[in-house]
Amino acid sequence: MKRIAILSASVRTGRLSHRVALYLENYFRQNALADTELLDLKAYDFPLFHERLAMQEHPSDKLIDFTNRFNDADGLIIVSPVYNASYPAALKNVIDLYYKEWKHKPVGIVSVTSGKVPGIATVQQLQVLLLKLGALVAPDLTTVINAGSEFNKQGEPRSAEQASALILPMLNDLLWLTDKN
């Protein structure tokens, strides 16, 4: 079975995007689509990196663990909050750790907002960045709005049908990319 890592990109207190990451993890398990692993940037609590991983003389055990999980995944879903029409610095910090590791890595992207305006720009910015790094990026513009009212803290959606309809196109494309890779 394929292995999909779900990167929860928010490190803020009260983060809503993590609810969507938990939903995705549960969705994969309930539907037996792939084995999943949650890579939670808040739990890793990385410092600001000054160099790519390849240039670091003594990477921390946490960084080696994260990198092994990242590399072992057949595909990756990035769940990013929308910060000022973009994505968080913690996510950029981790993306910039790698270069060759992104080459041909299948990636799906989901943006999450607390309001009614979808985070399309966030998804597009991440798509452009990851394409430039050589990732195989699912083309879908998957964005969750009203995340605080649509998902509870355990990642359970208010409407399972609506949540599934929202994410299924991206998941199908991501799984197709992992098969082609």
N, C-alpha and C. Protein backbone atom coordinates (compact mmCIF):
# COMPACT_ATOMS: atom_id res chain seq x y z
N MET A 1 0.84 -1.18 0.00
CA MET A 1 0.00 0.00 0.00
C MET A 1 0.89 1.24 0.00
N LYS A 2 0.44 2.26 -0.70
CA LYS A 2 1.18 3.52 -0.77
C LYS A 2 1.25 4.18 0.61
N ARG A 3 2.30 4.99 0.79
CA ARG A 3 2.49 5.74 2.03
C ARG A 3 2.37 7.22 1.72
N ILE A 4 1.44 7.88 2.38
CA ILE A 4 1.22 9.30 2.19
C ILE A 4 1.49 10.03 3.50
N ALA A 5 2.37 11.00 3.46
CA ALA A 5 2.63 11.86 4.62
C ALA A 5 1.73 13.08 4.52
N ILE A 6 1.16 13.46 5.63
CA ILE A 6 0.31 14.65 5.70
C ILE A 6 1.04 15.67 6.56
N LEU A 7 1.45 16.77 5.93
CA LEU A 7 2.22 17.80 6.61
C LEU A 7 1.27 18.86 7.15
N SER A 8 1.15 18.92 8.46
CA SER A 8 0.34 19.95 9.12
C SER A 8 1.25 21.14 9.35
N ALA A 9 0.99 22.24 8.64
CA ALA A 9 1.97 23.32 8.53
C ALA A 9 1.83 24.46 9.54
N SER A 10 0.76 24.49 10.31
CA SER A 10 0.59 25.59 11.26
C SER A 10 1.23 25.24 12.60
N VAL A 11 1.86 26.23 13.20
CA VAL A 11 2.45 26.06 14.53
C VAL A 11 1.76 26.95 15.56
N ARG A 12 0.71 27.64 15.16
CA ARG A 12 0.02 28.57 16.04
C ARG A 12 -0.89 27.87 17.05
N THR A 13 -1.12 28.54 18.16
CA THR A 13 -2.11 28.10 19.13
C THR A 13 -3.50 28.27 18.51
N GLY A 14 -4.37 27.29 18.71
CA GLY A 14 -5.73 27.37 18.17
C GLY A 14 -5.82 27.13 16.68
N ARG A 15 -4.82 26.56 16.10
CA ARG A 15 -4.76 26.33 14.66
C ARG A 15 -5.95 25.51 14.16
N LEU A 16 -6.49 25.92 13.04
CA LEU A 16 -7.63 25.24 12.44
C LEU A 16 -7.20 24.29 11.33
N SER A 17 -6.11 24.58 10.68
CA SER A 17 -5.68 23.73 9.57
C SER A 17 -5.32 22.33 10.07
N HIS A 18 -4.90 22.22 11.31
CA HIS A 18 -4.56 20.90 11.86
C HIS A 18 -5.81 20.00 11.89
N ARG A 19 -6.97 20.59 12.07
CA ARG A 19 -8.21 19.82 12.05
C ARG A 19 -8.39 19.15 10.68
N VAL A 20 -8.05 19.87 9.64
CA VAL A 20 -8.18 19.32 8.29
C VAL A 20 -7.13 18.23 8.06
N ALA A 21 -5.94 18.42 8.60
CA ALA A 21 -4.91 17.38 8.49
C ALA A 21 -5.38 16.10 9.19
N LEU A 22 -5.99 16.24 10.37
CA LEU A 22 -6.53 15.07 11.07
C LEU A 22 -7.65 14.42 10.28
N TYR A 23 -8.49 15.24 9.66
CA TYR A 23 -9.56 14.71 8.81
C TYR A 23 -8.98 13.87 7.68
N LEU A 24 -7.96 14.39 7.01
CA LEU A 24 -7.34 13.66 5.90
C LEU A 24 -6.74 12.35 6.37
N GLU A 25 -6.07 12.38 7.51
CA GLU A 25 -5.49 11.16 8.05
C GLU A 25 -6.58 10.12 8.31
N ASN A 26 -7.69 10.54 8.91
CA ASN A 26 -8.81 9.63 9.17
C ASN A 26 -9.47 9.15 7.89
N TYR A 27 -9.59 10.04 6.90
CA TYR A 27 -10.21 9.69 5.63
C TYR A 27 -9.42 8.57 4.92
N PHE A 28 -8.12 8.72 4.90
CA PHE A 28 -7.28 7.68 4.29
C PHE A 28 -7.47 6.34 4.99
N ARG A 29 -7.47 6.36 6.30
CA ARG A 29 -7.62 5.12 7.06
C ARG A 29 -8.99 4.49 6.85
N GLN A 30 -10.04 5.30 6.95
CA GLN A 30 -11.40 4.78 6.82
C GLN A 30 -11.67 4.21 5.44
N ASN A 31 -11.03 4.76 4.43
CA ASN A 31 -11.27 4.32 3.06
C ASN A 31 -10.16 3.42 2.51
N ALA A 32 -9.19 3.08 3.35
CA ALA A 32 -8.08 2.19 2.99
C ALA A 32 -7.42 2.61 1.67
N LEU A 33 -7.17 3.92 1.54
CA LEU A 33 -6.56 4.45 0.32
C LEU A 33 -5.04 4.35 0.34
N ALA A 34 -4.46 4.50 1.54
CA ALA A 34 -3.00 4.46 1.69
C ALA A 34 -2.70 4.47 3.18
N ASP A 35 -1.48 4.07 3.51
CA ASP A 35 -1.01 4.25 4.87
C ASP A 35 -0.62 5.72 5.01
N THR A 36 -0.93 6.31 6.14
CA THR A 36 -0.63 7.73 6.33
C THR A 36 0.23 7.95 7.55
N GLU A 37 0.88 9.09 7.51
CA GLU A 37 1.68 9.53 8.65
C GLU A 37 1.55 11.04 8.75
N LEU A 38 1.26 11.53 9.93
CA LEU A 38 1.11 12.95 10.15
C LEU A 38 2.45 13.56 10.54
N LEU A 39 2.90 14.52 9.77
CA LEU A 39 4.12 15.27 10.08
C LEU A 39 3.68 16.66 10.56
N ASP A 40 3.65 16.82 11.86
CA ASP A 40 3.11 18.03 12.49
C ASP A 40 4.25 18.99 12.84
N LEU A 41 4.31 20.11 12.12
CA LEU A 41 5.40 21.06 12.36
C LEU A 41 5.37 21.64 13.77
N LYS A 42 4.20 21.73 14.37
CA LYS A 42 4.13 22.22 15.75
C LYS A 42 4.81 21.23 16.69
N ALA A 43 4.60 19.95 16.48
CA ALA A 43 5.22 18.93 17.33
C ALA A 43 6.74 18.89 17.12
N TYR A 44 7.18 19.10 15.88
CA TYR A 44 8.63 19.10 15.63
C TYR A 44 9.31 20.34 16.19
N ASP A 45 8.62 21.47 16.18
CA ASP A 45 9.14 22.71 16.77
C ASP A 45 10.55 23.02 16.29
N PHE A 46 10.72 23.05 14.97
CA PHE A 46 12.03 23.30 14.38
C PHE A 46 12.48 24.75 14.59
N PRO A 47 13.79 24.95 14.71
CA PRO A 47 14.32 26.32 14.72
C PRO A 47 14.35 26.85 13.28
N LEU A 48 14.71 28.09 13.13
CA LEU A 48 14.93 28.63 11.79
C LEU A 48 16.22 28.02 11.25
N PHE A 49 16.12 27.34 10.13
CA PHE A 49 17.30 26.69 9.55
C PHE A 49 18.09 27.70 8.73
N HIS A 50 19.41 27.62 8.86
CA HIS A 50 20.29 28.52 8.13
C HIS A 50 20.86 27.88 6.87
N GLU A 51 20.70 26.58 6.76
CA GLU A 51 21.24 25.85 5.61
C GLU A 51 20.29 24.72 5.23
N ARG A 52 20.41 24.29 3.98
CA ARG A 52 19.71 23.08 3.55
C ARG A 52 20.23 21.90 4.36
N LEU A 53 19.45 20.86 4.39
CA LEU A 53 19.84 19.65 5.12
C LEU A 53 21.20 19.14 4.64
N ALA A 54 21.40 19.13 3.33
CA ALA A 54 22.65 18.60 2.77
C ALA A 54 23.88 19.37 3.23
N MET A 55 23.71 20.61 3.66
CA MET A 55 24.83 21.44 4.08
C MET A 55 25.03 21.46 5.60
N GLN A 56 24.13 20.82 6.33
CA GLN A 56 24.24 20.82 7.79
C GLN A 56 25.21 19.76 8.26
N GLU A 57 26.14 20.17 9.12
CA GLU A 57 27.14 19.24 9.62
C GLU A 57 26.57 18.27 10.64
N HIS A 58 25.69 18.75 11.52
CA HIS A 58 25.15 17.92 12.59
C HIS A 58 23.65 18.14 12.71
N PRO A 59 22.87 17.58 11.78
CA PRO A 59 21.42 17.76 11.89
C PRO A 59 20.90 17.09 13.16
N SER A 60 19.87 17.68 13.74
CA SER A 60 19.30 17.16 14.98
C SER A 60 18.59 15.82 14.72
N ASP A 61 18.37 15.09 15.78
CA ASP A 61 17.64 13.83 15.68
C ASP A 61 16.22 14.07 15.16
N LYS A 62 15.60 15.19 15.60
CA LYS A 62 14.26 15.53 15.12
C LYS A 62 14.27 15.76 13.62
N LEU A 63 15.28 16.43 13.13
CA LEU A 63 15.35 16.71 11.70
C LEU A 63 15.61 15.42 10.91
N ILE A 64 16.44 14.57 11.42
CA ILE A 64 16.69 13.29 10.74
C ILE A 64 15.41 12.45 10.72
N ASP A 65 14.68 12.43 11.82
CA ASP A 65 13.41 11.70 11.88
C ASP A 65 12.42 12.26 10.86
N PHE A 66 12.26 13.57 10.83
CA PHE A 66 11.35 14.21 9.88
C PHE A 66 11.76 13.87 8.44
N THR A 67 13.04 14.00 8.16
CA THR A 67 13.55 13.74 6.81
C THR A 67 13.32 12.30 6.40
N ASN A 68 13.56 11.36 7.29
CA ASN A 68 13.31 9.95 6.95
C ASN A 68 11.85 9.71 6.63
N ARG A 69 10.95 10.30 7.41
CA ARG A 69 9.51 10.15 7.17
C ARG A 69 9.11 10.81 5.86
N PHE A 70 9.67 11.98 5.60
CA PHE A 70 9.42 12.69 4.35
C PHE A 70 9.89 11.85 3.16
N ASN A 71 11.12 11.34 3.23
CA ASN A 71 11.69 10.57 2.13
C ASN A 71 10.98 9.24 1.92
N ASP A 72 10.51 8.61 2.99
CA ASP A 72 9.85 7.31 2.89
C ASP A 72 8.44 7.39 2.31
N ALA A 73 7.86 8.57 2.32
CA ALA A 73 6.51 8.74 1.80
C ALA A 73 6.49 8.70 0.28
N ASP A 74 5.51 7.99 -0.26
CA ASP A 74 5.33 7.95 -1.72
C ASP A 74 4.72 9.25 -2.22
N GLY A 75 4.04 9.96 -1.36
CA GLY A 75 3.42 11.23 -1.69
C GLY A 75 3.23 12.05 -0.44
N LEU A 76 2.93 13.32 -0.62
CA LEU A 76 2.81 14.25 0.49
C LEU A 76 1.61 15.15 0.26
N ILE A 77 0.85 15.38 1.32
CA ILE A 77 -0.20 16.40 1.29
C ILE A 77 0.22 17.49 2.26
N ILE A 78 0.28 18.70 1.76
CA ILE A 78 0.57 19.85 2.61
C ILE A 78 -0.75 20.52 2.95
N VAL A 79 -1.02 20.62 4.24
CA VAL A 79 -2.21 21.32 4.73
C VAL A 79 -1.71 22.62 5.34
N SER A 80 -1.99 23.71 4.65
CA SER A 80 -1.44 25.00 5.06
C SER A 80 -2.53 25.99 5.41
N PRO A 81 -2.36 26.69 6.52
CA PRO A 81 -3.25 27.81 6.78
C PRO A 81 -2.92 28.94 5.82
N VAL A 82 -3.83 29.88 5.72
CA VAL A 82 -3.60 31.07 4.91
C VAL A 82 -3.12 32.17 5.85
N TYR A 83 -1.89 32.59 5.66
CA TYR A 83 -1.31 33.68 6.44
C TYR A 83 -1.09 34.86 5.50
N ASN A 84 -1.87 35.91 5.65
CA ASN A 84 -1.72 37.11 4.82
C ASN A 84 -1.67 36.78 3.33
N ALA A 85 -2.62 35.98 2.88
CA ALA A 85 -2.74 35.55 1.48
C ALA A 85 -1.56 34.70 1.02
N SER A 86 -0.86 34.10 1.96
CA SER A 86 0.28 33.25 1.63
C SER A 86 0.28 32.06 2.59
N TYR A 87 1.46 31.53 2.87
CA TYR A 87 1.61 30.37 3.73
C TYR A 87 2.59 30.70 4.86
N PRO A 88 2.62 29.91 5.92
CA PRO A 88 3.43 30.26 7.09
C PRO A 88 4.94 30.10 6.87
N ALA A 89 5.68 30.89 7.62
CA ALA A 89 7.14 30.83 7.56
C ALA A 89 7.65 29.46 7.99
N ALA A 90 6.97 28.81 8.92
CA ALA A 90 7.40 27.48 9.37
C ALA A 90 7.38 26.49 8.21
N LEU A 91 6.43 26.62 7.32
CA LEU A 91 6.36 25.75 6.15
C LEU A 91 7.49 26.07 5.16
N LYS A 92 7.71 27.33 4.89
CA LYS A 92 8.80 27.73 3.98
C LYS A 92 10.15 27.26 4.54
N ASN A 93 10.31 27.36 5.84
CA ASN A 93 11.53 26.91 6.52
C ASN A 93 11.81 25.44 6.20
N VAL A 94 10.78 24.61 6.24
CA VAL A 94 10.94 23.18 5.98
C VAL A 94 11.09 22.90 4.49
N ILE A 95 10.32 23.58 3.66
CA ILE A 95 10.45 23.38 2.21
C ILE A 95 11.88 23.66 1.77
N ASP A 96 12.47 24.72 2.29
CA ASP A 96 13.82 25.12 1.87
C ASP A 96 14.92 24.24 2.43
N LEU A 97 14.59 23.32 3.31
CA LEU A 97 15.58 22.35 3.79
C LEU A 97 16.04 21.42 2.68
N TYR A 98 15.16 21.20 1.74
CA TYR A 98 15.39 20.17 0.73
C TYR A 98 15.48 20.78 -0.66
N TYR A 99 16.19 20.09 -1.50
CA TYR A 99 16.23 20.46 -2.91
C TYR A 99 16.02 19.21 -3.74
N LYS A 100 17.02 18.35 -3.80
CA LYS A 100 16.89 17.14 -4.62
C LYS A 100 15.78 16.22 -4.10
N GLU A 101 15.45 16.33 -2.82
CA GLU A 101 14.42 15.48 -2.23
C GLU A 101 13.02 15.78 -2.80
N TRP A 102 12.85 16.98 -3.34
CA TRP A 102 11.55 17.34 -3.93
C TRP A 102 11.38 16.77 -5.34
N LYS A 103 12.48 16.43 -5.99
CA LYS A 103 12.43 15.97 -7.38
C LYS A 103 11.52 14.75 -7.50
N HIS A 104 10.46 14.91 -8.29
CA HIS A 104 9.48 13.86 -8.58
C HIS A 104 8.66 13.41 -7.37
N LYS A 105 8.65 14.18 -6.28
CA LYS A 105 7.81 13.86 -5.12
C LYS A 105 6.38 14.30 -5.43
N PRO A 106 5.41 13.36 -5.46
CA PRO A 106 4.02 13.75 -5.66
C PRO A 106 3.49 14.54 -4.45
N VAL A 107 2.86 15.68 -4.73
CA VAL A 107 2.39 16.56 -3.66
C VAL A 107 0.99 17.06 -3.97
N GLY A 108 0.13 17.01 -2.97
CA GLY A 108 -1.18 17.66 -3.02
C GLY A 108 -1.19 18.77 -1.99
N ILE A 109 -1.96 19.82 -2.26
CA ILE A 109 -1.96 20.98 -1.38
C ILE A 109 -3.40 21.34 -1.01
N VAL A 110 -3.58 21.63 0.27
CA VAL A 110 -4.87 22.08 0.78
C VAL A 110 -4.62 23.34 1.60
N SER A 111 -5.33 24.42 1.28
CA SER A 111 -5.26 25.62 2.12
C SER A 111 -6.49 25.65 3.02
N VAL A 112 -6.33 26.28 4.17
CA VAL A 112 -7.39 26.31 5.17
C VAL A 112 -7.53 27.73 5.71
N THR A 113 -8.79 28.21 5.72
CA THR A 113 -9.06 29.54 6.28
C THR A 113 -10.17 29.44 7.32
N SER A 114 -10.19 30.43 8.20
CA SER A 114 -11.25 30.50 9.19
C SER A 114 -12.45 31.27 8.67
N GLY A 115 -12.27 32.00 7.58
CA GLY A 115 -13.34 32.83 7.03
C GLY A 115 -13.95 32.25 5.78
N LYS A 116 -14.60 33.13 5.03
CA LYS A 116 -15.34 32.71 3.84
C LYS A 116 -14.57 32.89 2.53
N VAL A 117 -13.40 33.49 2.60
CA VAL A 117 -12.61 33.72 1.39
C VAL A 117 -11.64 32.56 1.22
N PRO A 118 -11.75 31.82 0.12
CA PRO A 118 -10.87 30.67 -0.07
C PRO A 118 -9.41 31.09 -0.28
N GLY A 119 -8.51 30.23 0.15
CA GLY A 119 -7.07 30.50 0.06
C GLY A 119 -6.47 30.04 -1.25
N ILE A 120 -7.05 30.44 -2.34
CA ILE A 120 -6.58 30.03 -3.67
C ILE A 120 -5.15 30.50 -3.90
N ALA A 121 -4.84 31.74 -3.50
CA ALA A 121 -3.48 32.26 -3.72
C ALA A 121 -2.45 31.44 -2.96
N THR A 122 -2.81 30.96 -1.78
CA THR A 122 -1.88 30.13 -1.00
C THR A 122 -1.57 28.84 -1.73
N VAL A 123 -2.59 28.19 -2.24
CA VAL A 123 -2.38 26.95 -3.00
C VAL A 123 -1.53 27.23 -4.23
N GLN A 124 -1.85 28.28 -4.96
CA GLN A 124 -1.10 28.59 -6.18
C GLN A 124 0.36 28.91 -5.89
N GLN A 125 0.63 29.67 -4.84
CA GLN A 125 2.01 30.00 -4.50
C GLN A 125 2.81 28.74 -4.16
N LEU A 126 2.19 27.85 -3.40
CA LEU A 126 2.88 26.60 -3.05
C LEU A 126 3.06 25.73 -4.29
N GLN A 127 2.07 25.70 -5.17
CA GLN A 127 2.21 24.91 -6.39
C GLN A 127 3.39 25.41 -7.23
N VAL A 128 3.48 26.71 -7.41
CA VAL A 128 4.57 27.28 -8.22
C VAL A 128 5.93 26.96 -7.59
N LEU A 129 6.04 27.17 -6.29
CA LEU A 129 7.30 26.90 -5.59
C LEU A 129 7.71 25.44 -5.74
N LEU A 130 6.78 24.54 -5.48
CA LEU A 130 7.11 23.11 -5.52
C LEU A 130 7.36 22.61 -6.94
N LEU A 131 6.65 23.15 -7.91
CA LEU A 131 6.94 22.81 -9.30
C LEU A 131 8.36 23.24 -9.67
N LYS A 132 8.76 24.41 -9.22
CA LYS A 132 10.12 24.91 -9.48
C LYS A 132 11.16 23.98 -8.87
N LEU A 133 10.83 23.35 -7.75
CA LEU A 133 11.74 22.42 -7.10
C LEU A 133 11.69 21.01 -7.70
N GLY A 134 10.80 20.81 -8.67
CA GLY A 134 10.73 19.53 -9.36
C GLY A 134 9.70 18.56 -8.83
N ALA A 135 8.86 18.99 -7.88
CA ALA A 135 7.82 18.11 -7.36
C ALA A 135 6.75 17.89 -8.43
N LEU A 136 6.04 16.79 -8.30
CA LEU A 136 4.90 16.49 -9.15
C LEU A 136 3.66 16.94 -8.37
N VAL A 137 3.13 18.09 -8.73
CA VAL A 137 2.10 18.74 -7.93
C VAL A 137 0.72 18.53 -8.54
N ALA A 138 -0.20 18.03 -7.71
CA ALA A 138 -1.60 17.89 -8.14
C ALA A 138 -2.13 19.28 -8.49
N PRO A 139 -2.81 19.42 -9.61
CA PRO A 139 -3.23 20.74 -10.08
C PRO A 139 -4.44 21.34 -9.38
N ASP A 140 -5.08 20.60 -8.52
CA ASP A 140 -6.33 21.04 -7.91
C ASP A 140 -6.13 22.22 -6.97
N LEU A 141 -7.12 23.10 -6.95
CA LEU A 141 -7.13 24.24 -6.03
C LEU A 141 -8.04 23.89 -4.87
N THR A 142 -7.53 23.09 -3.95
CA THR A 142 -8.32 22.61 -2.83
C THR A 142 -8.16 23.56 -1.66
N THR A 143 -9.25 24.17 -1.27
CA THR A 143 -9.22 25.14 -0.18
C THR A 143 -10.45 24.97 0.71
N VAL A 144 -10.20 24.90 1.99
CA VAL A 144 -11.26 24.75 2.99
C VAL A 144 -11.55 26.12 3.58
N ILE A 145 -12.81 26.50 3.61
CA ILE A 145 -13.21 27.75 4.24
C ILE A 145 -14.00 27.43 5.51
N ASN A 146 -14.13 28.42 6.38
CA ASN A 146 -14.90 28.26 7.63
C ASN A 146 -14.46 27.02 8.40
N ALA A 147 -13.17 26.78 8.47
CA ALA A 147 -12.66 25.54 9.06
C ALA A 147 -13.10 25.34 10.51
N GLY A 148 -13.21 26.40 11.26
CA GLY A 148 -13.61 26.28 12.66
C GLY A 148 -15.01 25.75 12.85
N SER A 149 -15.90 26.06 11.92
CA SER A 149 -17.26 25.55 12.02
C SER A 149 -17.47 24.28 11.19
N GLU A 150 -16.59 24.01 10.25
CA GLU A 150 -16.74 22.84 9.38
C GLU A 150 -16.07 21.58 9.92
N PHE A 151 -15.07 21.76 10.81
CA PHE A 151 -14.34 20.62 11.38
C PHE A 151 -14.17 20.83 12.88
N ASN A 152 -14.38 19.76 13.66
CA ASN A 152 -14.14 19.89 15.10
C ASN A 152 -12.66 19.63 15.39
N LYS A 153 -12.28 19.72 16.66
CA LYS A 153 -10.87 19.60 17.04
C LYS A 153 -10.27 18.23 16.73
N GLN A 154 -11.10 17.22 16.61
CA GLN A 154 -10.63 15.87 16.29
C GLN A 154 -10.57 15.63 14.78
N GLY A 155 -10.93 16.65 14.00
CA GLY A 155 -10.89 16.52 12.55
C GLY A 155 -12.14 15.92 11.95
N GLU A 156 -13.20 15.85 12.72
CA GLU A 156 -14.45 15.31 12.19
C GLU A 156 -15.21 16.43 11.49
N PRO A 157 -15.63 16.19 10.25
CA PRO A 157 -16.33 17.24 9.50
C PRO A 157 -17.80 17.36 9.92
N ARG A 158 -18.33 18.54 9.78
CA ARG A 158 -19.76 18.76 10.02
C ARG A 158 -20.57 17.99 8.99
N SER A 159 -20.09 17.97 7.76
CA SER A 159 -20.73 17.22 6.68
C SER A 159 -19.68 16.34 6.01
N ALA A 160 -19.76 15.05 6.26
CA ALA A 160 -18.79 14.12 5.67
C ALA A 160 -18.88 14.14 4.14
N GLU A 161 -20.08 14.25 3.61
CA GLU A 161 -20.25 14.25 2.15
C GLU A 161 -19.61 15.49 1.52
N GLN A 162 -19.82 16.63 2.15
CA GLN A 162 -19.25 17.87 1.63
C GLN A 162 -17.73 17.86 1.72
N ALA A 163 -17.19 17.40 2.83
CA ALA A 163 -15.73 17.34 3.00
C ALA A 163 -15.12 16.38 1.99
N SER A 164 -15.74 15.24 1.80
CA SER A 164 -15.23 14.26 0.85
C SER A 164 -15.25 14.81 -0.57
N ALA A 165 -16.34 15.45 -0.94
CA ALA A 165 -16.45 16.03 -2.29
C ALA A 165 -15.39 17.09 -2.52
N LEU A 166 -15.03 17.82 -1.48
CA LEU A 166 -14.02 18.87 -1.60
C LEU A 166 -12.63 18.31 -1.84
N ILE A 167 -12.27 17.26 -1.11
CA ILE A 167 -10.88 16.79 -1.17
C ILE A 167 -10.65 15.66 -2.17
N LEU A 168 -11.70 14.98 -2.58
CA LEU A 168 -11.52 13.80 -3.43
C LEU A 168 -10.81 14.07 -4.75
N PRO A 169 -11.10 15.16 -5.46
CA PRO A 169 -10.35 15.39 -6.71
C PRO A 169 -8.84 15.48 -6.49
N MET A 170 -8.41 16.20 -5.44
CA MET A 170 -6.98 16.30 -5.15
C MET A 170 -6.41 14.95 -4.75
N LEU A 171 -7.14 14.21 -3.90
CA LEU A 171 -6.65 12.89 -3.48
C LEU A 171 -6.51 11.94 -4.65
N ASN A 172 -7.48 11.95 -5.54
CA ASN A 172 -7.40 11.08 -6.72
C ASN A 172 -6.20 11.44 -7.59
N ASP A 173 -5.97 12.72 -7.79
CA ASP A 173 -4.81 13.14 -8.59
C ASP A 173 -3.50 12.78 -7.90
N LEU A 174 -3.44 12.98 -6.58
CA LEU A 174 -2.22 12.65 -5.84
C LEU A 174 -1.94 11.15 -5.92
N LEU A 175 -2.94 10.34 -5.71
CA LEU A 175 -2.74 8.88 -5.78
C LEU A 175 -2.36 8.45 -7.19
N TRP A 176 -2.93 9.09 -8.20
CA TRP A 176 -2.55 8.80 -9.59
C TRP A 176 -1.07 9.14 -9.80
N LEU A 177 -0.66 10.30 -9.28
CA LEU A 177 0.76 10.69 -9.42
C LEU A 177 1.69 9.70 -8.72
N THR A 178 1.28 9.19 -7.56
CA THR A 178 2.14 8.22 -6.86
C THR A 178 2.25 6.93 -7.65
N ASP A 179 1.18 6.56 -8.36
CA ASP A 179 1.24 5.35 -9.20
C ASP A 179 2.17 5.56 -10.39
N LYS A 180 2.22 6.76 -10.92
CA LYS A 180 3.05 7.06 -12.09
C LYS A 180 4.51 7.25 -11.73
N ASN A 181 4.76 7.54 -10.47
CA ASN A 181 6.13 7.86 -10.06
C ASN A 181 6.91 6.58 -9.86
